[in-house]
């Protein structure tokens, strides 16, 4: 099912490129961080400054998502280089940089987690802002930035546990609108089944960089709010979408390969949490019966339509004079 062999190691294009000047990387002397429980002082203070509860440990993926949401909220993208984030006072206190690559935020957080402390001390740390200008020719190596850090065995084991973002895996976790409408009839199990699943909604019409009409999103929260005509309405929370999603806005169609590729790119960019093999397997087992029960009647009806059409074509071929 999931690709257990490091499916999230990103590969460069391997092309030779010459830049003038190219910045030559040099080692920086990393300052020793003070830790307040599970996170560094700069990280804990940043999270507290934006109103996040730090009493319970957050994962590195969760903090990456929080920072990305913060960047979007305050529009901190470099106007000339959209893939870089301009650090305001809060982010500068965290990263000690004037700007950072958007897709490197997850990696930059490594040293801020106590659980990474031992392995991060062994890694070669480089400061991307402390460069010397040199005219050189370089070749992009066919290795990921994660591999360049020469991770410990513990890190390698962790990375290899990530599930591949491919149609075969997403299909196991994808819930159509009509299925969600059935699941909501069972409130005792509804939230548990929705959290960690994927839904499909229309793309933001103001996002001109989005080529697909729809996008896939992981469900990260479920809300019950008062309905318009009494009762209550269920809203779904998804990352990087300002408004919560009512069930009626979900798509009831199949997703496309291009939409999965877009989902994968957002994971690579650090905009979404990377699912693990364990998470995918557990959620797939939870949803398997419901997805199968929902799919089977539709598939049988579709097959019956095909049979009827084939019979009709055969009937017309055998008795052409009756169809005139």
C-alpha atoms as a PDB file:
ATOM      1  CA  UNK A   1       0.000   0.000   0.000  1.00  0.00           C
ATOM      2  CA  UNK A   2       2.283   2.758   1.191  1.00  0.00           C
ATOM      3  CA  UNK A   3       5.794   3.132  -0.087  1.00  0.00           C
ATOM      4  CA  UNK A   4       7.972   2.174   2.854  1.00  0.00           C
ATOM      5  CA  UNK A   5      11.227   3.002   1.144  1.00  0.00           C
ATOM      6  CA  UNK A   6      11.566   6.675   1.878  1.00  0.00           C
ATOM      7  CA  UNK A   7       8.881   7.987  -0.449  1.00  0.00           C
ATOM      8  CA  UNK A   8       9.444  11.537   0.776  1.00  0.00           C
ATOM      9  CA  UNK A   9      13.087  11.868  -0.254  1.00  0.00           C
ATOM     10  CA  UNK A  10      12.935  14.561  -2.924  1.00  0.00           C
ATOM     11  CA  UNK A  11      15.294  14.303  -5.871  1.00  0.00           C
ATOM     12  CA  UNK A  12      16.933  17.181  -7.710  1.00  0.00           C
ATOM     13  CA  UNK A  13      16.821  17.532 -11.480  1.00  0.00           C
ATOM     14  CA  UNK A  14      20.484  16.657 -11.944  1.00  0.00           C
ATOM     15  CA  UNK A  15      21.165  19.405 -14.504  1.00  0.00           C
ATOM     16  CA  UNK A  16      24.483  21.205 -14.569  1.00  0.00           C
ATOM     17  CA  UNK A  17      24.029  24.906 -13.922  1.00  0.00           C
ATOM     18  CA  UNK A  18      26.447  27.807 -13.779  1.00  0.00           C
ATOM     19  CA  UNK A  19      25.700  30.826 -11.667  1.00  0.00           C
ATOM     20  CA  UNK A  20      27.721  33.977 -11.296  1.00  0.00           C
ATOM     21  CA  UNK A  21      28.196  34.588  -8.508  1.00  0.00           C
ATOM     22  CA  UNK A  22      27.227  31.373  -6.740  1.00  0.00           C
ATOM     23  CA  UNK A  23      27.204  31.446  -2.998  1.00  0.00           C
ATOM     24  CA  UNK A  24      29.645  29.078  -1.399  1.00  0.00           C
ATOM     25  CA  UNK A  25      28.301  27.458   1.722  1.00  0.00           C
ATOM     26  CA  UNK A  26      30.301  27.550   4.924  1.00  0.00           C
ATOM     27  CA  UNK A  27      29.694  26.136   8.333  1.00  0.00           C
ATOM     28  CA  UNK A  28      28.193  28.372  10.931  1.00  0.00           C
ATOM     29  CA  UNK A  29      28.685  28.120  14.631  1.00  0.00           C
ATOM     30  CA  UNK A  30      25.292  27.143  15.936  1.00  0.00           C
ATOM     31  CA  UNK A  31      24.279  28.672  19.225  1.00  0.00           C
ATOM     32  CA  UNK A  32      23.210  26.232  21.916  1.00  0.00           C
ATOM     33  CA  UNK A  33      19.470  26.456  22.412  1.00  0.00           C
ATOM     34  CA  UNK A  34      17.788  26.538  25.788  1.00  0.00           C
ATOM     35  CA  UNK A  35      14.880  24.109  26.019  1.00  0.00           C
ATOM     36  CA  UNK A  36      11.641  24.612  27.912  1.00  0.00           C
ATOM     37  CA  UNK A  37      10.275  21.103  28.039  1.00  0.00           C
ATOM     38  CA  UNK A  38       9.624  19.661  24.570  1.00  0.00           C
ATOM     39  CA  UNK A  39      10.671  22.750  22.600  1.00  0.00           C
ATOM     40  CA  UNK A  40      13.352  25.409  22.510  1.00  0.00           C
ATOM     41  CA  UNK A  41      12.779  28.741  24.238  1.00  0.00           C
ATOM     42  CA  UNK A  42      12.473  30.630  20.893  1.00  0.00           C
ATOM     43  CA  UNK A  43       9.907  28.106  19.619  1.00  0.00           C
ATOM     44  CA  UNK A  44       7.819  28.077  22.796  1.00  0.00           C
ATOM     45  CA  UNK A  45       7.875  31.880  22.987  1.00  0.00           C
ATOM     46  CA  UNK A  46       6.859  32.187  19.332  1.00  0.00           C
ATOM     47  CA  UNK A  47       3.898  29.830  19.774  1.00  0.00           C
ATOM     48  CA  UNK A  48       2.777  31.564  22.956  1.00  0.00           C
ATOM     49  CA  UNK A  49       3.025  34.978  21.273  1.00  0.00           C
ATOM     50  CA  UNK A  50       0.441  33.915  18.674  1.00  0.00           C
ATOM     51  CA  UNK A  51      -1.888  32.355  21.248  1.00  0.00           C
ATOM     52  CA  UNK A  52      -1.025  28.670  20.890  1.00  0.00           C
ATOM     53  CA  UNK A  53      -1.171  26.313  23.863  1.00  0.00           C
ATOM     54  CA  UNK A  54       2.300  24.906  24.532  1.00  0.00           C
ATOM     55  CA  UNK A  55       1.292  22.858  27.571  1.00  0.00           C
ATOM     56  CA  UNK A  56       0.775  19.853  25.294  1.00  0.00           C
ATOM     57  CA  UNK A  57       3.566  18.859  22.932  1.00  0.00           C
ATOM     58  CA  UNK A  58       3.014  19.696  19.271  1.00  0.00           C
ATOM     59  CA  UNK A  59       4.585  17.653  16.494  1.00  0.00           C
ATOM     60  CA  UNK A  60       7.099  19.129  14.078  1.00  0.00           C
ATOM     61  CA  UNK A  61       4.477  18.806  11.328  1.00  0.00           C
ATOM     62  CA  UNK A  62       1.883  20.666  13.395  1.00  0.00           C
ATOM     63  CA  UNK A  63       4.299  23.543  14.080  1.00  0.00           C
ATOM     64  CA  UNK A  64       5.211  23.716  10.381  1.00  0.00           C
ATOM     65  CA  UNK A  65       1.512  24.016   9.534  1.00  0.00           C
ATOM     66  CA  UNK A  66       1.078  26.724  12.209  1.00  0.00           C
ATOM     67  CA  UNK A  67       3.990  28.748  10.814  1.00  0.00           C
ATOM     68  CA  UNK A  68       2.705  28.397   7.251  1.00  0.00           C
ATOM     69  CA  UNK A  69      -0.715  29.568   8.374  1.00  0.00           C
ATOM     70  CA  UNK A  70       0.938  32.517  10.177  1.00  0.00           C
ATOM     71  CA  UNK A  71       2.857  33.411   7.003  1.00  0.00           C
ATOM     72  CA  UNK A  72      -0.349  33.331   4.946  1.00  0.00           C
ATOM     73  CA  UNK A  73      -2.282  35.364   7.512  1.00  0.00           C
ATOM     74  CA  UNK A  74       0.286  38.172   7.590  1.00  0.00           C
ATOM     75  CA  UNK A  75       1.297  37.840   3.914  1.00  0.00           C
ATOM     76  CA  UNK A  76       4.987  37.416   4.683  1.00  0.00           C
ATOM     77  CA  UNK A  77       5.971  36.161   1.241  1.00  0.00           C
ATOM     78  CA  UNK A  78       8.868  37.892  -0.460  1.00  0.00           C
ATOM     79  CA  UNK A  79       7.235  39.938  -3.280  1.00  0.00           C
ATOM     80  CA  UNK A  80      10.171  39.207  -5.607  1.00  0.00           C
ATOM     81  CA  UNK A  81      10.698  35.557  -4.625  1.00  0.00           C
ATOM     82  CA  UNK A  82       7.397  33.928  -3.723  1.00  0.00           C
ATOM     83  CA  UNK A  83       9.126  30.767  -2.496  1.00  0.00           C
ATOM     84  CA  UNK A  84      10.848  32.712   0.297  1.00  0.00           C
ATOM     85  CA  UNK A  85       9.300  33.944   3.511  1.00  0.00           C
ATOM     86  CA  UNK A  86      10.270  37.325   4.944  1.00  0.00           C
ATOM     87  CA  UNK A  87      10.802  36.947   8.681  1.00  0.00           C
ATOM     88  CA  UNK A  88       9.035  39.499  10.831  1.00  0.00           C
ATOM     89  CA  UNK A  89      10.152  40.121  14.416  1.00  0.00           C
ATOM     90  CA  UNK A  90       8.558  36.911  15.713  1.00  0.00           C
ATOM     91  CA  UNK A  91       9.965  34.644  12.993  1.00  0.00           C
ATOM     92  CA  UNK A  92      13.377  36.313  13.210  1.00  0.00           C
ATOM     93  CA  UNK A  93      13.477  35.490  16.920  1.00  0.00           C
ATOM     94  CA  UNK A  94      12.762  31.870  16.009  1.00  0.00           C
ATOM     95  CA  UNK A  95      15.012  31.335  12.985  1.00  0.00           C
ATOM     96  CA  UNK A  96      17.580  34.142  13.448  1.00  0.00           C
ATOM     97  CA  UNK A  97      17.295  34.887   9.718  1.00  0.00           C
ATOM     98  CA  UNK A  98      15.896  37.725   7.655  1.00  0.00           C
ATOM     99  CA  UNK A  99      14.232  35.280   5.265  1.00  0.00           C
ATOM    100  CA  UNK A 100      13.857  31.523   4.857  1.00  0.00           C
ATOM    101  CA  UNK A 101      12.784  29.202   2.013  1.00  0.00           C
ATOM    102  CA  UNK A 102       9.144  28.275   2.468  1.00  0.00           C
ATOM    103  CA  UNK A 103       9.775  24.588   1.763  1.00  0.00           C
ATOM    104  CA  UNK A 104      12.605  24.414   4.321  1.00  0.00           C
ATOM    105  CA  UNK A 105      10.595  25.478   7.371  1.00  0.00           C
ATOM    106  CA  UNK A 106      10.129  21.886   8.530  1.00  0.00           C
ATOM    107  CA  UNK A 107      13.871  21.229   8.394  1.00  0.00           C
ATOM    108  CA  UNK A 108      14.721  24.523  10.112  1.00  0.00           C
ATOM    109  CA  UNK A 109      12.586  23.399  13.045  1.00  0.00           C
ATOM    110  CA  UNK A 110      14.680  20.254  13.633  1.00  0.00           C
ATOM    111  CA  UNK A 111      16.943  21.826  16.229  1.00  0.00           C
ATOM    112  CA  UNK A 112      14.008  23.360  18.123  1.00  0.00           C
ATOM    113  CA  UNK A 113      12.591  20.004  19.262  1.00  0.00           C
ATOM    114  CA  UNK A 114      14.068  18.277  22.292  1.00  0.00           C
ATOM    115  CA  UNK A 115      13.446  14.865  20.726  1.00  0.00           C
ATOM    116  CA  UNK A 116      15.856  15.812  17.890  1.00  0.00           C
ATOM    117  CA  UNK A 117      18.515  17.208  20.188  1.00  0.00           C
ATOM    118  CA  UNK A 118      20.968  14.286  20.111  1.00  0.00           C
ATOM    119  CA  UNK A 119      20.854  13.732  16.368  1.00  0.00           C
ATOM    120  CA  UNK A 120      20.939  17.431  15.511  1.00  0.00           C
ATOM    121  CA  UNK A 121      24.182  17.887  17.440  1.00  0.00           C
ATOM    122  CA  UNK A 122      25.786  15.286  15.170  1.00  0.00           C
ATOM    123  CA  UNK A 123      24.529  16.877  11.943  1.00  0.00           C
ATOM    124  CA  UNK A 124      26.543  19.409   9.973  1.00  0.00           C
ATOM    125  CA  UNK A 125      24.666  22.656  10.372  1.00  0.00           C
ATOM    126  CA  UNK A 126      24.861  25.287   7.649  1.00  0.00           C
ATOM    127  CA  UNK A 127      23.514  28.823   7.646  1.00  0.00           C
ATOM    128  CA  UNK A 128      22.031  29.675   4.258  1.00  0.00           C
ATOM    129  CA  UNK A 129      22.410  33.405   4.944  1.00  0.00           C
ATOM    130  CA  UNK A 130      26.142  33.258   5.695  1.00  0.00           C
ATOM    131  CA  UNK A 131      27.626  32.768   2.235  1.00  0.00           C
ATOM    132  CA  UNK A 132      30.779  33.873   0.483  1.00  0.00           C
ATOM    133  CA  UNK A 133      30.468  34.949  -3.168  1.00  0.00           C
ATOM    134  CA  UNK A 134      32.564  32.751  -5.446  1.00  0.00           C
ATOM    135  CA  UNK A 135      32.360  32.112  -9.206  1.00  0.00           C
ATOM    136  CA  UNK A 136      31.989  28.350  -9.516  1.00  0.00           C
ATOM    137  CA  UNK A 137      30.147  25.717 -11.529  1.00  0.00           C
ATOM    138  CA  UNK A 138      28.096  23.310  -9.504  1.00  0.00           C
ATOM    139  CA  UNK A 139      26.029  20.245 -10.157  1.00  0.00           C
ATOM    140  CA  UNK A 140      22.759  19.606  -8.349  1.00  0.00           C
ATOM    141  CA  UNK A 141      23.189  16.302  -6.605  1.00  0.00           C
ATOM    142  CA  UNK A 142      20.478  13.677  -6.957  1.00  0.00           C
ATOM    143  CA  UNK A 143      19.838  13.631  -3.254  1.00  0.00           C
ATOM    144  CA  UNK A 144      17.347  15.403  -1.076  1.00  0.00           C
ATOM    145  CA  UNK A 145      18.099  18.149   1.376  1.00  0.00           C
ATOM    146  CA  UNK A 146      17.216  15.669   4.104  1.00  0.00           C
ATOM    147  CA  UNK A 147      19.894  13.272   2.878  1.00  0.00           C
ATOM    148  CA  UNK A 148      22.457  16.081   2.721  1.00  0.00           C
ATOM    149  CA  UNK A 149      22.200  16.413   6.480  1.00  0.00           C
ATOM    150  CA  UNK A 150      23.516  12.839   6.883  1.00  0.00           C
ATOM    151  CA  UNK A 151      20.695  11.872   9.293  1.00  0.00           C
ATOM    152  CA  UNK A 152      21.216   9.298  12.016  1.00  0.00           C
ATOM    153  CA  UNK A 153      19.691   5.844  11.815  1.00  0.00           C
ATOM    154  CA  UNK A 154      16.845   7.088  13.970  1.00  0.00           C
ATOM    155  CA  UNK A 155      16.017   9.816  11.455  1.00  0.00           C
ATOM    156  CA  UNK A 156      16.263   7.422   8.522  1.00  0.00           C
ATOM    157  CA  UNK A 157      13.838   5.043  10.200  1.00  0.00           C
ATOM    158  CA  UNK A 158      11.437   7.908  10.841  1.00  0.00           C
ATOM    159  CA  UNK A 159      11.574   9.207   7.276  1.00  0.00           C
ATOM    160  CA  UNK A 160      11.116   5.752   5.764  1.00  0.00           C
ATOM    161  CA  UNK A 161       7.836   5.417   7.678  1.00  0.00           C
ATOM    162  CA  UNK A 162       6.166   8.129   5.582  1.00  0.00           C
ATOM    163  CA  UNK A 163       3.420   6.934   3.248  1.00  0.00           C
ATOM    164  CA  UNK A 164       3.545   7.788  -0.441  1.00  0.00           C
ATOM    165  CA  UNK A 165       1.109  10.428  -1.700  1.00  0.00           C
ATOM    166  CA  UNK A 166      -0.227   8.408  -4.627  1.00  0.00           C
ATOM    167  CA  UNK A 167      -3.775   7.763  -5.939  1.00  0.00           C
ATOM    168  CA  UNK A 168      -3.768   4.185  -4.604  1.00  0.00           C
ATOM    169  CA  UNK A 169      -3.227   5.399  -1.023  1.00  0.00           C
ATOM    170  CA  UNK A 170      -5.507   8.436  -1.186  1.00  0.00           C
ATOM    171  CA  UNK A 171      -8.311   6.261  -2.574  1.00  0.00           C
ATOM    172  CA  UNK A 172      -8.272   4.328   0.715  1.00  0.00           C
ATOM    173  CA  UNK A 173      -8.893   7.532   2.701  1.00  0.00           C
ATOM    174  CA  UNK A 174     -11.079   9.584   0.333  1.00  0.00           C
ATOM    175  CA  UNK A 175     -14.667  10.315   1.376  1.00  0.00           C
ATOM    176  CA  UNK A 176     -17.260  11.541  -1.128  1.00  0.00           C
ATOM    177  CA  UNK A 177     -20.054  13.893  -0.074  1.00  0.00           C
ATOM    178  CA  UNK A 178     -22.765  11.219  -0.177  1.00  0.00           C
ATOM    179  CA  UNK A 179     -20.702   8.929   2.057  1.00  0.00           C
ATOM    180  CA  UNK A 180     -20.042  11.735   4.568  1.00  0.00           C
ATOM    181  CA  UNK A 181     -23.797  12.412   4.614  1.00  0.00           C
ATOM    182  CA  UNK A 182     -24.316   8.780   5.602  1.00  0.00           C
ATOM    183  CA  UNK A 183     -21.580   8.816   8.234  1.00  0.00           C
ATOM    184  CA  UNK A 184     -22.952  11.955   9.906  1.00  0.00           C
ATOM    185  CA  UNK A 185     -26.056   9.947  10.822  1.00  0.00           C
ATOM    186  CA  UNK A 186     -23.875   8.146  13.368  1.00  0.00           C
ATOM    187  CA  UNK A 187     -22.554  10.977  15.584  1.00  0.00           C
ATOM    188  CA  UNK A 188     -20.858   8.607  18.026  1.00  0.00           C
ATOM    189  CA  UNK A 189     -18.327   7.508  15.391  1.00  0.00           C
ATOM    190  CA  UNK A 190     -18.484  10.352  12.856  1.00  0.00           C
ATOM    191  CA  UNK A 191     -15.607  12.517  14.088  1.00  0.00           C
ATOM    192  CA  UNK A 192     -13.255   9.566  14.523  1.00  0.00           C
ATOM    193  CA  UNK A 193     -13.850   8.464  10.942  1.00  0.00           C
ATOM    194  CA  UNK A 194     -13.548  11.934   9.401  1.00  0.00           C
ATOM    195  CA  UNK A 195     -10.329  12.995  11.131  1.00  0.00           C
ATOM    196  CA  UNK A 196      -7.409  11.989   8.922  1.00  0.00           C
ATOM    197  CA  UNK A 197      -9.567  11.286   5.889  1.00  0.00           C
ATOM    198  CA  UNK A 198      -9.417  13.304   2.656  1.00  0.00           C
ATOM    199  CA  UNK A 199     -12.164  15.354   1.041  1.00  0.00           C
ATOM    200  CA  UNK A 200     -12.403  17.158  -2.310  1.00  0.00           C
ATOM    201  CA  UNK A 201     -13.626  20.737  -2.688  1.00  0.00           C
ATOM    202  CA  UNK A 202     -13.541  23.425  -5.369  1.00  0.00           C
ATOM    203  CA  UNK A 203     -10.279  25.356  -5.631  1.00  0.00           C
ATOM    204  CA  UNK A 204     -10.124  28.966  -4.508  1.00  0.00           C
ATOM    205  CA  UNK A 205     -11.055  31.018  -7.639  1.00  0.00           C
ATOM    206  CA  UNK A 206      -8.677  33.761  -6.477  1.00  0.00           C
ATOM    207  CA  UNK A 207      -5.711  31.370  -6.426  1.00  0.00           C
ATOM    208  CA  UNK A 208      -4.433  31.914  -9.964  1.00  0.00           C
ATOM    209  CA  UNK A 209      -1.544  29.497  -9.432  1.00  0.00           C
ATOM    210  CA  UNK A 210      -4.005  26.611  -9.044  1.00  0.00           C
ATOM    211  CA  UNK A 211      -4.515  24.762 -12.326  1.00  0.00           C
ATOM    212  CA  UNK A 212      -7.079  22.227 -11.090  1.00  0.00           C
ATOM    213  CA  UNK A 213     -10.764  22.953 -10.572  1.00  0.00           C
ATOM    214  CA  UNK A 214     -10.741  20.986  -7.303  1.00  0.00           C
ATOM    215  CA  UNK A 215      -8.286  20.252  -4.496  1.00  0.00           C
ATOM    216  CA  UNK A 216      -7.870  17.398  -2.050  1.00  0.00           C
ATOM    217  CA  UNK A 217      -7.610  18.301   1.640  1.00  0.00           C
ATOM    218  CA  UNK A 218      -7.026  16.280   4.822  1.00  0.00           C
ATOM    219  CA  UNK A 219      -9.691  16.714   7.503  1.00  0.00           C
ATOM    220  CA  UNK A 220      -8.108  18.002  10.722  1.00  0.00           C
ATOM    221  CA  UNK A 221     -11.180  18.983  12.728  1.00  0.00           C
ATOM    222  CA  UNK A 222     -14.966  18.643  13.040  1.00  0.00           C
ATOM    223  CA  UNK A 223     -17.308  21.326  14.394  1.00  0.00           C
ATOM    224  CA  UNK A 224     -21.005  21.325  15.288  1.00  0.00           C
ATOM    225  CA  UNK A 225     -22.579  24.757  14.878  1.00  0.00           C
ATOM    226  CA  UNK A 226     -26.208  26.004  15.010  1.00  0.00           C
ATOM    227  CA  UNK A 227     -27.935  25.456  11.670  1.00  0.00           C
ATOM    228  CA  UNK A 228     -29.840  28.072   9.665  1.00  0.00           C
ATOM    229  CA  UNK A 229     -33.217  26.363  10.110  1.00  0.00           C
ATOM    230  CA  UNK A 230     -32.691  25.049  13.619  1.00  0.00           C
ATOM    231  CA  UNK A 231     -30.805  21.949  14.620  1.00  0.00           C
ATOM    232  CA  UNK A 232     -27.100  21.935  13.950  1.00  0.00           C
ATOM    233  CA  UNK A 233     -24.701  21.861  11.020  1.00  0.00           C
ATOM    234  CA  UNK A 234     -21.416  19.981  10.776  1.00  0.00           C
ATOM    235  CA  UNK A 235     -18.377  21.879   9.507  1.00  0.00           C
ATOM    236  CA  UNK A 236     -15.033  20.348   8.573  1.00  0.00           C
ATOM    237  CA  UNK A 237     -11.695  21.993   9.285  1.00  0.00           C
ATOM    238  CA  UNK A 238      -8.895  21.662   6.735  1.00  0.00           C
ATOM    239  CA  UNK A 239      -5.384  23.220   6.809  1.00  0.00           C
ATOM    240  CA  UNK A 240      -4.678  26.535   5.050  1.00  0.00           C
ATOM    241  CA  UNK A 241      -8.376  27.210   4.314  1.00  0.00           C
ATOM    242  CA  UNK A 242      -9.782  30.155   6.241  1.00  0.00           C
ATOM    243  CA  UNK A 243     -13.443  29.105   6.292  1.00  0.00           C
ATOM    244  CA  UNK A 244     -14.638  25.767   7.627  1.00  0.00           C
ATOM    245  CA  UNK A 245     -16.248  23.488   5.049  1.00  0.00           C
ATOM    246  CA  UNK A 246     -19.947  22.475   5.221  1.00  0.00           C
ATOM    247  CA  UNK A 247     -20.711  18.966   4.012  1.00  0.00           C
ATOM    248  CA  UNK A 248     -22.826  20.275   1.127  1.00  0.00           C
ATOM    249  CA  UNK A 249     -19.674  21.827  -0.394  1.00  0.00           C
ATOM    250  CA  UNK A 250     -17.879  18.477  -0.712  1.00  0.00           C
ATOM    251  CA  UNK A 251     -17.429  16.869  -4.095  1.00  0.00           C
ATOM    252  CA  UNK A 252     -19.212  13.605  -4.868  1.00  0.00           C
ATOM    253  CA  UNK A 253     -16.947  12.743  -7.801  1.00  0.00           C
ATOM    254  CA  UNK A 254     -13.677  10.859  -8.097  1.00  0.00           C
ATOM    255  CA  UNK A 255     -10.410  12.793  -7.798  1.00  0.00           C
ATOM    256  CA  UNK A 256      -7.887  13.087 -10.624  1.00  0.00           C
ATOM    257  CA  UNK A 257      -4.225  12.115 -10.802  1.00  0.00           C
ATOM    258  CA  UNK A 258      -3.347  15.822 -11.163  1.00  0.00           C
ATOM    259  CA  UNK A 259      -5.133  16.622  -7.902  1.00  0.00           C
ATOM    260  CA  UNK A 260      -3.065  13.991  -6.081  1.00  0.00           C
ATOM    261  CA  UNK A 261       0.099  15.508  -7.571  1.00  0.00           C
ATOM    262  CA  UNK A 262      -1.006  18.925  -6.264  1.00  0.00           C
ATOM    263  CA  UNK A 263      -1.604  17.404  -2.821  1.00  0.00           C
ATOM    264  CA  UNK A 264       1.854  15.839  -2.903  1.00  0.00           C
ATOM    265  CA  UNK A 265       3.441  19.181  -3.825  1.00  0.00           C
ATOM    266  CA  UNK A 266       1.753  20.924  -0.886  1.00  0.00           C
ATOM    267  CA  UNK A 267       3.125  18.224   1.423  1.00  0.00           C
ATOM    268  CA  UNK A 268       6.611  18.723  -0.047  1.00  0.00           C
ATOM    269  CA  UNK A 269       6.286  22.475   0.486  1.00  0.00           C
ATOM    270  CA  UNK A 270       5.525  21.918   4.167  1.00  0.00           C
ATOM    271  CA  UNK A 271       1.958  23.223   3.849  1.00  0.00           C
ATOM    272  CA  UNK A 272       0.478  19.908   4.971  1.00  0.00           C
ATOM    273  CA  UNK A 273       1.504  17.228   7.431  1.00  0.00           C
ATOM    274  CA  UNK A 274       3.195  14.171   5.950  1.00  0.00           C
ATOM    275  CA  UNK A 275       1.092  11.052   6.675  1.00  0.00           C
ATOM    276  CA  UNK A 276       2.902   8.009   8.021  1.00  0.00           C
ATOM    277  CA  UNK A 277       2.405   4.420   6.915  1.00  0.00           C
ATOM    278  CA  UNK A 278       0.929   3.608  10.325  1.00  0.00           C
ATOM    279  CA  UNK A 279      -1.598   6.473  10.065  1.00  0.00           C
ATOM    280  CA  UNK A 280      -2.653   5.481   6.552  1.00  0.00           C
ATOM    281  CA  UNK A 281      -3.010   1.799   7.434  1.00  0.00           C
ATOM    282  CA  UNK A 282      -5.021   2.557  10.581  1.00  0.00           C
ATOM    283  CA  UNK A 283      -7.347   5.013   8.833  1.00  0.00           C
ATOM    284  CA  UNK A 284      -7.773   2.697   5.829  1.00  0.00           C
ATOM    285  CA  UNK A 285      -8.855  -0.134   8.148  1.00  0.00           C
ATOM    286  CA  UNK A 286     -11.309   2.217   9.885  1.00  0.00           C
ATOM    287  CA  UNK A 287     -12.905   3.373   6.624  1.00  0.00           C
ATOM    288  CA  UNK A 288     -12.705   0.186   4.549  1.00  0.00           C
ATOM    289  CA  UNK A 289     -16.153  -1.191   5.402  1.00  0.00           C
ATOM    290  CA  UNK A 290     -17.920   2.162   4.941  1.00  0.00           C
ATOM    291  CA  UNK A 291     -16.197   2.933   1.626  1.00  0.00           C
ATOM    292  CA  UNK A 292     -16.925  -0.579   0.307  1.00  0.00           C
ATOM    293  CA  UNK A 293     -20.605  -0.452   1.319  1.00  0.00           C
ATOM    294  CA  UNK A 294     -20.929   2.958  -0.319  1.00  0.00           C
ATOM    295  CA  UNK A 295     -19.091   1.929  -3.480  1.00  0.00           C
ATOM    296  CA  UNK A 296     -20.713  -1.471  -4.087  1.00  0.00           C
ATOM    297  CA  UNK A 297     -24.351  -0.409  -4.858  1.00  0.00           C
ATOM    298  CA  UNK A 298     -23.094   2.333  -7.182  1.00  0.00           C
ATOM    299  CA  UNK A 299     -20.791  -0.071  -8.991  1.00  0.00           C
ATOM    300  CA  UNK A 300     -23.554  -2.665  -9.350  1.00  0.00           C
ATOM    301  CA  UNK A 301     -25.911  -0.014 -10.741  1.00  0.00           C
ATOM    302  CA  UNK A 302     -23.191   1.112 -13.165  1.00  0.00           C
ATOM    303  CA  UNK A 303     -22.610  -2.473 -14.318  1.00  0.00           C
ATOM    304  CA  UNK A 304     -26.357  -2.985 -14.808  1.00  0.00           C
ATOM    305  CA  UNK A 305     -26.488   0.143 -16.982  1.00  0.00           C
ATOM    306  CA  UNK A 306     -23.632  -1.221 -19.090  1.00  0.00           C
ATOM    307  CA  UNK A 307     -25.437  -4.551 -19.451  1.00  0.00           C
ATOM    308  CA  UNK A 308     -28.688  -2.804 -20.433  1.00  0.00           C
ATOM    309  CA  UNK A 309     -26.872  -0.692 -23.007  1.00  0.00           C
ATOM    310  CA  UNK A 310     -25.111  -3.748 -24.444  1.00  0.00           C
ATOM    311  CA  UNK A 311     -28.415  -5.639 -24.631  1.00  0.00           C
ATOM    312  CA  UNK A 312     -30.057  -2.671 -26.328  1.00  0.00           C
ATOM    313  CA  UNK A 313     -27.278  -2.466 -28.923  1.00  0.00           C
ATOM    314  CA  UNK A 314     -27.580  -6.212 -29.581  1.00  0.00           C
ATOM    315  CA  UNK A 315     -31.354  -5.962 -29.864  1.00  0.00           C
ATOM    316  CA  UNK A 316     -31.094  -3.118 -32.396  1.00  0.00           C
ATOM    317  CA  UNK A 317     -28.498  -5.036 -34.396  1.00  0.00           C
ATOM    318  CA  UNK A 318     -30.667  -8.164 -34.509  1.00  0.00           C
ATOM    319  CA  UNK A 319     -33.958  -6.358 -35.229  1.00  0.00           C
ATOM    320  CA  UNK A 320     -32.945  -3.141 -37.030  1.00  0.00           C
ATOM    321  CA  UNK A 321     -36.394  -2.688 -38.603  1.00  0.00           C
ATOM    322  CA  UNK A 322     -38.018  -2.292 -35.154  1.00  0.00           C
ATOM    323  CA  UNK A 323     -35.836   0.670 -34.226  1.00  0.00           C
ATOM    324  CA  UNK A 324     -36.927   2.696 -37.295  1.00  0.00           C
END
